[in-house]
Protein backbone atom coordinates (compact mmCIF):
# COMPACT_ATOMS: atom_id res chain seq x y z
CA MET A 1 -13.90 24.26 -6.08
CA SER A 2 -14.36 20.57 -5.26
CA ILE A 3 -12.20 17.72 -4.02
CA LEU A 4 -11.77 14.54 -6.05
CA CYS A 5 -10.04 11.18 -5.98
CA LEU A 6 -8.90 9.08 -8.94
CA GLY A 7 -7.36 5.70 -8.25
CA VAL A 8 -7.06 1.94 -8.25
CA ASN A 9 -6.69 -0.43 -5.32
CA HIS A 10 -6.45 -4.14 -4.50
CA LYS A 11 -10.20 -4.52 -5.09
CA THR A 12 -10.25 -2.96 -8.56
CA ALA A 13 -6.88 -3.90 -10.06
CA PRO A 14 -4.48 -6.88 -9.77
CA VAL A 15 -0.92 -6.42 -8.60
CA GLU A 16 0.26 -6.45 -12.25
CA ILE A 17 -1.59 -3.16 -12.83
CA ARG A 18 -0.82 -1.60 -9.43
CA GLU A 19 2.90 -2.13 -9.82
CA ARG A 20 2.88 -0.39 -13.20
CA LEU A 21 1.20 2.65 -11.64
CA ALA A 22 3.40 2.84 -8.52
CA PHE A 23 5.14 6.19 -7.89
CA PRO A 24 8.73 5.76 -6.60
CA GLU A 25 9.20 7.90 -3.49
CA SER A 26 12.42 9.33 -4.93
CA GLU A 27 10.39 10.85 -7.80
CA ILE A 28 7.29 11.93 -5.90
CA ASP A 29 8.31 15.58 -5.59
CA ASP A 30 8.63 15.98 -9.37
CA ARG A 31 5.46 13.99 -10.05
CA LEU A 32 3.43 16.14 -7.62
CA ARG A 33 4.56 19.30 -9.39
CA GLU A 34 3.65 17.81 -12.77
CA ILE A 35 0.20 16.79 -11.56
CA ARG A 36 -0.48 20.18 -9.98
CA ASP A 37 0.29 21.79 -13.34
CA LEU A 38 -2.35 19.70 -15.13
CA PRO A 39 -5.52 21.44 -16.40
CA GLY A 40 -8.15 21.70 -13.68
CA VAL A 41 -5.84 20.69 -10.80
CA ASP A 42 -5.17 23.33 -8.11
CA GLU A 43 -3.91 21.12 -5.25
CA THR A 44 -2.89 17.47 -5.07
CA VAL A 45 -1.70 14.61 -2.86
CA VAL A 46 -0.53 11.25 -4.24
CA LEU A 47 -1.00 8.12 -2.13
CA SER A 48 1.03 5.25 -3.61
CA THR A 49 1.29 2.00 -1.61
CA CYS A 50 1.47 -1.71 -2.36
CA ASN A 51 -2.34 -1.90 -2.34
CA ARG A 52 -3.41 1.36 -3.96
CA VAL A 53 -2.44 4.31 -6.12
CA GLU A 54 -4.72 7.31 -5.54
CA ILE A 55 -4.53 10.94 -6.58
CA TYR A 56 -6.48 13.42 -4.45
CA ALA A 57 -6.98 16.89 -5.85
CA ALA A 58 -8.85 20.17 -5.46
CA SER A 59 -10.37 21.36 -8.71
CA PRO A 60 -12.80 24.03 -9.97
CA VAL A 61 -13.65 21.74 -12.92
CA THR A 62 -13.68 18.10 -11.87
CA GLU A 63 -14.40 16.58 -15.28
CA THR A 64 -11.44 18.42 -16.80
CA ALA A 65 -9.25 17.30 -13.90
CA PHE A 66 -10.32 13.64 -14.18
CA GLU A 67 -9.59 13.67 -17.91
CA ALA A 68 -6.18 15.31 -17.43
CA LEU A 69 -5.19 12.93 -14.62
CA ILE A 70 -6.06 9.81 -16.62
CA ARG A 71 -4.19 11.10 -19.67
CA TYR A 72 -1.18 11.90 -17.47
CA LEU A 73 -1.10 8.41 -15.90
CA ILE A 74 -1.47 6.67 -19.27
CA ASP A 75 1.31 8.73 -20.83
CA HIS A 76 3.66 8.72 -17.82
CA PHE A 77 3.42 4.97 -17.16
CA ARG A 78 3.05 4.06 -20.85
CA LEU A 79 -0.08 2.03 -20.34
CA PRO A 80 -1.05 -0.07 -23.38
CA ALA A 81 -4.58 1.35 -23.73
CA ARG A 82 -6.91 3.89 -22.17
CA ASP A 83 -9.30 1.18 -21.00
CA ALA A 84 -6.55 -1.06 -19.57
CA VAL A 85 -7.11 0.32 -16.07
CA ASP A 86 -10.45 0.50 -14.27
CA PHE A 87 -9.99 3.75 -12.35
CA TYR A 88 -12.55 4.79 -9.76
CA HIS A 89 -13.65 8.43 -9.84
CA LEU A 90 -14.92 10.06 -6.64
CA LYS A 91 -15.73 13.69 -5.97
CA GLY A 92 -17.04 15.90 -3.20
CA GLU A 93 -18.32 14.07 -0.15
CA ALA A 94 -17.66 10.65 -1.71
CA ALA A 95 -13.96 11.47 -2.14
CA ALA A 96 -13.73 12.65 1.47
CA LEU A 97 -15.54 9.59 2.81
CA HIS A 98 -13.23 7.34 0.80
CA LEU A 99 -10.11 8.96 2.28
CA PHE A 100 -11.55 8.68 5.79
CA ARG A 101 -12.19 4.97 5.26
CA VAL A 102 -8.69 4.51 3.82
CA ALA A 103 -7.02 6.27 6.78
CA SER A 104 -9.10 4.16 9.18
CA GLY A 105 -8.07 0.86 7.63
CA LEU A 106 -11.61 0.11 6.41
CA ASP A 107 -10.60 -0.01 2.74
CA SER A 108 -7.45 -2.12 3.18
CA MET A 109 -6.70 -5.62 1.99
CA VAL A 110 -6.30 -6.53 5.65
CA LEU A 111 -9.26 -4.88 7.37
CA GLY A 112 -8.10 -2.53 10.12
CA GLU A 113 -4.39 -2.72 9.23
CA THR A 114 -2.23 -0.05 10.80
CA GLU A 115 0.39 0.73 8.14
CA ILE A 116 -2.00 2.73 5.98
CA PHE A 117 -2.47 5.49 8.55
CA GLY A 118 1.26 6.24 8.50
CA GLN A 119 1.33 5.98 4.71
CA VAL A 120 -1.46 8.56 4.38
CA LYS A 121 0.38 10.91 6.76
CA LYS A 122 3.61 10.48 4.80
CA ALA A 123 1.87 11.11 1.46
CA TYR A 124 0.42 14.34 2.85
CA ALA A 125 3.78 15.42 4.30
CA LEU A 126 5.50 14.86 0.93
CA ALA A 127 2.81 16.89 -0.81
CA GLN A 128 3.24 19.72 1.69
CA GLU A 129 7.00 19.70 1.13
CA ALA A 130 6.44 19.89 -2.62
CA GLY A 131 4.08 22.84 -2.18
CA SER A 132 1.19 21.01 -3.84
CA THR A 133 -1.37 21.49 -1.04
CA ALA A 134 -3.35 24.48 0.17
CA ARG A 135 -6.53 25.06 2.18
CA ARG A 136 -8.73 22.27 0.80
CA MET A 137 -6.18 19.43 0.80
CA ASN A 138 -4.86 20.58 4.18
CA LYS A 139 -8.31 20.50 5.74
CA LEU A 140 -9.24 17.19 4.08
CA PHE A 141 -6.17 15.32 5.26
CA GLN A 142 -6.17 16.82 8.74
CA GLN A 143 -9.75 15.61 9.14
CA SER A 144 -8.76 12.15 7.87
CA PHE A 145 -6.13 11.93 10.63
CA GLN A 146 -8.73 12.89 13.25
CA VAL A 147 -11.08 10.19 11.97
CA GLY A 148 -8.34 7.56 11.86
CA LYS A 149 -7.42 8.23 15.48
CA LEU A 150 -11.06 8.11 16.58
CA ILE A 151 -11.53 4.73 14.88
CA ARG A 152 -8.44 3.23 16.48
CA SER A 153 -9.28 4.60 19.92
CA ASN A 154 -12.96 3.62 20.01
CA THR A 155 -13.24 0.32 18.12
CA ARG A 156 -11.62 -3.11 17.90
CA ILE A 157 -11.13 -2.92 14.15
CA GLN A 158 -7.46 -3.91 14.60
CA LEU A 159 -8.37 -7.21 16.28
CA GLY A 160 -6.26 -10.08 14.93
CA ALA A 161 -3.57 -10.00 12.26
CA THR A 162 -4.16 -6.52 10.89
CA SER A 163 -0.90 -5.71 9.10
CA VAL A 164 0.58 -7.14 5.94
CA GLY A 165 3.70 -7.97 7.93
CA SER A 166 1.86 -9.95 10.59
CA VAL A 167 -0.19 -11.77 7.96
CA ALA A 168 3.06 -12.75 6.21
CA VAL A 169 4.36 -14.17 9.49
CA ASP A 170 1.12 -16.11 10.00
CA LEU A 171 1.62 -17.60 6.56
CA ALA A 172 5.18 -18.64 7.47
CA GLU A 173 3.87 -20.41 10.57
CA LYS A 174 1.29 -22.27 8.48
CA ILE A 175 4.14 -23.55 6.29
CA PHE A 176 6.82 -24.28 8.91
CA GLY A 177 4.88 -24.59 12.16
CA ASN A 178 7.07 -23.28 14.98
CA LEU A 179 9.53 -20.66 13.70
CA ARG A 180 12.22 -21.30 16.33
CA ASN A 181 14.40 -23.26 13.94
CA CYS A 182 13.81 -20.95 10.99
CA ARG A 183 16.45 -18.62 9.64
CA VAL A 184 15.10 -15.48 8.05
CA MET A 185 16.45 -12.94 5.59
CA VAL A 186 14.79 -9.57 5.04
CA ILE A 187 15.68 -7.72 1.83
CA GLY A 188 14.85 -4.03 2.15
CA ALA A 189 14.97 -2.13 5.45
CA GLY A 190 11.89 0.06 5.07
CA GLU A 191 8.94 0.28 7.46
CA MET A 192 7.17 -2.76 6.02
CA SER A 193 10.33 -4.85 6.34
CA ARG A 194 10.94 -3.60 9.88
CA GLN A 195 7.45 -4.56 11.05
CA THR A 196 7.65 -7.98 9.38
CA ALA A 197 11.06 -8.62 10.92
CA GLN A 198 9.80 -7.61 14.36
CA SER A 199 6.92 -10.08 14.03
CA LEU A 200 9.27 -12.87 12.98
CA VAL A 201 11.58 -12.27 15.91
CA SER A 202 8.67 -12.07 18.35
CA ARG A 203 7.42 -15.44 17.03
CA GLY A 204 10.81 -17.02 17.78
CA ALA A 205 12.81 -16.94 14.53
CA SER A 206 16.28 -18.27 15.40
CA SER A 207 18.32 -15.84 13.33
CA LEU A 208 17.79 -12.79 11.15
CA ILE A 209 19.77 -11.36 8.26
CA VAL A 210 19.00 -7.89 6.91
CA SER A 211 20.15 -6.55 3.56
CA ASN A 212 19.45 -3.14 2.07
CA ARG A 213 20.91 -0.91 -0.64
CA SER A 214 21.84 1.51 2.12
CA TYR A 215 24.09 -0.65 4.31
CA ASP A 216 23.78 1.77 7.23
CA LYS A 217 20.01 1.20 7.33
CA ALA A 218 20.54 -2.55 7.21
CA VAL A 219 22.93 -2.30 10.17
CA GLU A 220 20.46 -0.13 12.08
CA LEU A 221 17.61 -2.61 11.66
CA ALA A 222 19.83 -5.62 12.35
CA ASP A 223 21.11 -4.02 15.56
CA GLU A 224 17.56 -3.23 16.67
CA LEU A 225 16.54 -6.88 16.27
CA ALA A 226 19.81 -8.56 17.29
CA GLY A 227 20.37 -9.74 13.72
CA GLU A 228 23.15 -9.58 11.17
CA ALA A 229 23.50 -7.08 8.32
CA VAL A 230 24.92 -8.02 4.92
CA ARG A 231 25.68 -5.73 2.02
CA PHE A 232 23.21 -5.66 -0.83
CA ASP A 233 25.61 -7.33 -3.27
CA GLU A 234 26.13 -10.23 -0.81
CA TRP A 235 22.58 -11.31 0.03
CA GLU A 236 22.39 -13.80 -2.84
CA GLN A 237 25.17 -15.87 -1.26
CA ALA A 238 23.43 -15.65 2.13
CA MET A 239 20.15 -16.96 0.71
CA SER A 240 21.39 -20.56 0.62
CA GLY A 241 21.49 -20.59 4.42
CA VAL A 242 18.00 -19.25 5.21
CA ASP A 243 14.52 -20.74 5.23
CA ILE A 244 12.34 -17.64 4.76
CA VAL A 245 12.98 -14.59 2.59
CA ILE A 246 10.85 -11.46 3.00
CA SER A 247 11.49 -9.06 0.14
CA SER A 248 10.24 -5.47 0.16
CA THR A 249 12.58 -3.16 -1.72
CA SER A 250 11.73 -0.09 -3.77
CA ALA A 251 13.50 -1.43 -6.86
CA PRO A 252 11.68 -0.72 -10.15
CA HIS A 253 12.35 -4.28 -11.35
CA ALA A 254 12.67 -7.80 -9.96
CA VAL A 255 15.72 -8.40 -7.77
CA ILE A 256 15.15 -12.16 -7.40
CA VAL A 257 14.93 -14.13 -10.65
CA PRO A 258 14.59 -17.88 -11.46
CA ASP A 259 18.23 -18.50 -12.40
CA MET A 260 19.37 -16.98 -9.11
CA VAL A 261 17.01 -19.13 -7.02
CA ALA A 262 17.76 -22.30 -9.01
CA LYS A 263 21.46 -21.80 -8.27
CA VAL A 264 20.70 -21.33 -4.55
CA MET A 265 18.52 -24.47 -4.43
CA ARG A 266 21.34 -26.67 -5.78
CA HIS A 267 23.17 -26.06 -2.48
CA ARG A 268 20.16 -26.66 -0.19
CA GLY A 269 19.47 -30.34 -0.65
CA ASP A 270 15.83 -31.07 0.18
CA ARG A 271 15.31 -27.96 2.33
CA ALA A 272 12.38 -25.82 1.17
CA LEU A 273 12.70 -22.10 0.56
CA PHE A 274 9.75 -19.86 1.38
CA LEU A 275 9.61 -16.47 -0.38
CA ILE A 276 7.20 -13.67 0.52
CA ASP A 277 7.16 -10.74 -1.88
CA ILE A 278 5.50 -7.71 -0.27
CA ALA A 279 6.92 -5.17 -2.70
CA VAL A 280 5.13 -3.22 -5.43
CA PRO A 281 6.49 -3.38 -8.08
CA ARG A 282 7.19 -7.02 -7.26
CA ASP A 283 10.71 -7.99 -6.22
CA ILE A 284 10.45 -11.64 -7.24
CA GLU A 285 9.64 -12.94 -10.69
CA PRO A 286 6.53 -15.20 -10.56
CA ALA A 287 8.35 -17.95 -12.50
CA VAL A 288 10.41 -18.61 -9.36
CA ASN A 289 7.37 -20.46 -8.00
CA ARG A 290 7.89 -23.22 -10.58
CA ILE A 291 11.18 -24.31 -9.01
CA GLU A 292 10.91 -27.47 -6.93
CA ASN A 293 10.75 -26.89 -3.14
CA VAL A 294 10.32 -23.13 -3.62
CA TYR A 295 7.10 -21.51 -2.36
CA LEU A 296 6.38 -17.93 -3.44
CA TYR A 297 3.57 -15.67 -2.24
CA ASP A 298 3.08 -12.08 -3.36
CA ILE A 299 1.11 -9.20 -1.84
CA ASP A 300 -2.22 -10.37 -3.28
CA ASP A 301 -1.76 -13.90 -1.93
CA LEU A 302 -1.61 -12.53 1.60
CA GLU A 303 -5.32 -11.75 1.47
CA ARG A 304 -6.05 -15.45 1.99
CA ILE A 305 -4.74 -15.40 5.55
CA ALA A 306 -6.30 -12.01 6.21
CA GLU A 307 -9.69 -13.69 5.98
CA VAL A 308 -8.98 -15.71 9.14
CA ALA A 309 -9.32 -12.67 11.41
CA ARG A 310 -11.63 -10.77 9.12
CA VAL A 311 -14.92 -12.14 10.50
CA GLU A 312 -14.34 -10.65 13.96
CA ARG A 313 -13.09 -7.36 12.57
CA GLU A 314 -16.09 -7.04 10.26
CA LYS A 315 -18.33 -6.84 13.30
CA GLN A 316 -16.64 -3.52 14.04
CA ILE A 317 -17.35 -1.98 10.63
CA SER A 318 -20.78 -0.67 11.60
CA LEU A 319 -19.32 1.07 14.65
CA CYS A 320 -16.55 2.58 12.53
CA GLU A 321 -19.01 3.88 9.95
CA THR A 322 -21.09 5.46 12.75
CA ILE A 323 -18.01 7.27 14.05
CA ILE A 324 -17.24 8.59 10.56
CA GLU A 325 -20.83 9.76 10.07
CA LYS A 326 -20.80 11.52 13.42
CA HIS A 327 -17.54 13.27 12.53
CA ILE A 328 -19.05 14.48 9.26
CA GLU A 329 -22.11 15.80 11.08
CA GLU A 330 -19.98 17.66 13.62
CA LYS A 331 -17.21 18.94 11.31
CA GLY A 332 -19.07 19.19 8.02
CA ILE A 333 -17.75 17.96 4.69
CA GLU A 334 -19.55 20.58 2.61
CA ALA A 335 -16.89 23.13 3.50
CA LEU A 336 -14.38 20.96 1.66
CA SER A 337 -16.41 21.02 -1.54
CA PRO A 338 -18.72 24.04 -1.52
CA ASP A 339 -19.82 23.45 -5.10
CA ARG A 340 -21.68 20.28 -4.11
CA ARG A 341 -24.94 20.17 -6.02
CA PRO A 342 -28.21 18.28 -5.50
CA GLY A 343 -27.74 14.80 -6.87
CA ASP A 344 -24.03 14.54 -6.02
CA GLU A 345 -24.90 12.92 -2.73
CA GLY A 346 -26.56 10.03 -4.54
CA THR A 347 -23.43 8.29 -5.82
CA GLY A 348 -20.77 10.87 -5.17
CA ARG A 349 -19.22 9.85 -8.47
CA ALA A 350 -18.21 11.69 -11.55
CA ALA A 351 -18.88 10.13 -14.90
CA SER A 352 -15.80 8.60 -16.44
CA PRO A 353 -14.23 10.54 -19.33
CA ALA A 354 -15.49 7.87 -21.71
CA GLY A 355 -19.06 8.51 -20.53
CA ASP A 356 -19.52 5.22 -18.66
CA PRO A 357 -20.39 5.20 -14.97
CA ALA A 358 -17.17 5.23 -12.96
CA PRO A 359 -16.82 2.50 -10.33
CA GLN A 360 -16.83 3.50 -6.69
CA SER A 361 -14.40 1.87 -4.29
């Protein structure tokens, strides 16, 4: 029995591919059960975020499991061709090391970002609730949480703008300068939206409007940040009075389209509108960016600002890797994948089902 990871992330696939592979949280329970029933899969956890979609599994036959997982993803998401997605395949120690680096923020678009640790914990909790984990996945993920805490407690990897939300706010300041006269609307009241809104308020945004499909959640977030809640079918009218829109809903399709924005801009005069789309799938159609005085950035664009603080954080990578190596020496990864054979430690990768070497993240 071995552990494995099949996935794509911001380094191996553009947002157009990642959004097609995203698992809606409302469906995750059913999807976990389907994946666990695939040939060669005994246990599984699905990690689906704006920057990655990864399936972790325990399997007695990793090649069979990899093949079944790829076929499932192609069929479920109706991908145009088998080679349309460049999946990475990791097994044994390489899969464990990858998860440890993910939970520590070392594999994120924004090096050292903090959201991913909570996202990994939530993915594991959902898998437990669905009954798709047992001894190997439980041990693997519990160790990843230990490593993540060690990294955050003993390094400065979080130095600078380390979250997608804070990077989005930095981008707003580069466009507008001081945010004190900026009016902000947040569409979607999830954790990403909450953190972004908190950053905006802390940087001096003059007013905040929150809209969400669940009005109660919009009210809760608005009350927390001394803002105003509007119902989801009213935010379009409110857009004409704001300067910055942060959109991060879980909608399966775009909620902001060119015709809608063009109508809003007719009532704004010469005032620019800045749109930040941090949702996957994307909330805002890319064509919106062609409208005069409208500036749209999506999740991949945010990497540009992440580079500003990246140099200092990169100095901490060596220390982080040392902590991970020490943890492995003390706790032992072999117990997670007792079928590890000589040669696996070289690349830690399984061959892809097509026979080509599979890329390692």
